[in-house]
Amino acid sequence: MDLEGAMRALRAAEEALPQAEEQAAHAARQIKADARNRVERARADLHRTMVAEFRAGARQVDLVKRTGYSRERVRQILRAAGIEAD
């Protein structure tokens, strides 16, 4: 490659960099949004499962032990489902 060709290649690479950085940033934002959505779905599934287990006879203390949630958090989840737990 001659000097002019090398300079053109460098300029082209430098000019393409901002677009590549923006594409990478957009991809990163999308990856984070997808991960947040997966967390929210998993949390909602866990809460539904906790409610179902409580209705099937599980005790609140058992849900606390199995989930690692505090008693108050378990109570909040059950209340949100219309259950007044002790």
Protein backbone atom coordinates (compact mmCIF):
# COMPACT_ATOMS: atom_id res chain seq x y z
CA MET A 1 0.00 0.00 0.00
CA ASP A 2 1.30 3.46 -0.79
CA LEU A 3 1.35 6.38 1.64
CA GLU A 4 -1.77 8.03 0.18
CA GLY A 5 -3.67 4.76 0.33
CA ALA A 6 -2.62 4.25 3.94
CA MET A 7 -3.79 7.79 4.80
CA ARG A 8 -7.16 7.22 3.08
CA ALA A 9 -7.56 3.97 5.01
CA LEU A 10 -6.79 5.74 8.30
CA ARG A 11 -9.25 8.58 7.59
CA ALA A 12 -11.97 6.12 6.60
CA ALA A 13 -11.38 4.13 9.79
CA GLU A 14 -11.46 7.29 11.92
CA GLU A 15 -14.65 8.51 10.23
CA ALA A 16 -16.34 5.16 10.83
CA LEU A 17 -15.45 5.10 14.53
CA PRO A 18 -18.27 7.37 15.88
CA GLN A 19 -20.91 5.34 14.06
CA ALA A 20 -19.42 2.10 15.34
CA GLU A 21 -19.35 3.49 18.88
CA GLU A 22 -23.01 4.55 18.62
CA GLN A 23 -23.99 1.12 17.28
CA ALA A 24 -22.14 -0.53 20.16
CA ALA A 25 -23.81 1.77 22.69
CA HIS A 26 -27.23 1.00 21.18
CA ALA A 27 -26.51 -2.73 21.32
CA ALA A 28 -25.41 -2.41 24.96
CA ARG A 29 -28.60 -0.51 25.84
CA GLN A 30 -30.68 -3.22 24.17
CA ILE A 31 -28.80 -5.99 25.98
CA LYS A 32 -29.38 -4.23 29.32
CA ALA A 33 -33.07 -3.68 28.57
CA ASP A 34 -33.48 -7.34 27.63
CA ALA A 35 -31.74 -8.41 30.85
CA ARG A 36 -33.97 -6.10 32.92
CA ASN A 37 -37.06 -7.58 31.23
CA ARG A 38 -35.88 -11.12 32.00
CA VAL A 39 -35.36 -10.16 35.65
CA GLU A 40 -38.84 -8.64 35.87
CA ARG A 41 -40.45 -11.72 34.29
CA ALA A 42 -38.52 -14.05 36.60
CA ARG A 43 -39.50 -11.96 39.63
CA ALA A 44 -43.16 -12.00 38.60
CA ASP A 45 -42.98 -15.78 38.09
CA LEU A 46 -41.42 -16.21 41.53
CA HIS A 47 -44.11 -14.08 43.15
CA ARG A 48 -46.90 -16.04 41.41
CA THR A 49 -45.29 -19.28 42.54
CA MET A 50 -45.00 -18.03 46.11
CA VAL A 51 -48.68 -17.08 46.13
CA ALA A 52 -49.66 -20.45 44.68
CA GLU A 53 -47.58 -22.30 47.26
CA PHE A 54 -49.07 -20.25 50.10
CA ARG A 55 -52.57 -20.99 48.85
CA ALA A 56 -51.63 -24.68 48.64
CA GLY A 57 -50.68 -24.66 52.30
CA ALA A 58 -47.09 -23.46 52.52
CA ARG A 59 -46.43 -21.34 55.58
CA GLN A 60 -45.08 -17.83 55.35
CA VAL A 61 -42.01 -18.81 57.38
CA ASP A 62 -41.26 -21.54 54.82
CA LEU A 63 -41.46 -19.02 51.98
CA VAL A 64 -39.06 -16.76 53.89
CA LYS A 65 -36.56 -19.59 54.33
CA ARG A 66 -36.80 -20.84 50.77
CA THR A 67 -36.61 -17.47 49.02
CA GLY A 68 -34.32 -15.56 51.32
CA TYR A 69 -36.83 -12.71 51.35
CA SER A 70 -37.64 -11.00 54.63
CA ARG A 71 -40.94 -11.72 56.38
CA GLU A 72 -42.11 -8.25 55.45
CA ARG A 73 -41.26 -8.74 51.77
CA VAL A 74 -43.13 -12.05 51.68
CA ARG A 75 -46.06 -10.33 53.38
CA GLN A 76 -45.98 -7.54 50.77
CA ILE A 77 -46.00 -10.05 47.92
CA LEU A 78 -48.91 -11.96 49.41
CA ARG A 79 -50.84 -8.76 50.14
CA ALA A 80 -50.37 -7.65 46.54
CA ALA A 81 -52.11 -10.88 45.57
CA GLY A 82 -55.00 -10.15 47.94
CA ILE A 83 -53.83 -12.41 50.75
CA GLU A 84 -53.56 -11.13 54.31
CA ALA A 85 -50.87 -13.37 55.78
CA ASP A 86 -49.75 -13.37 59.41
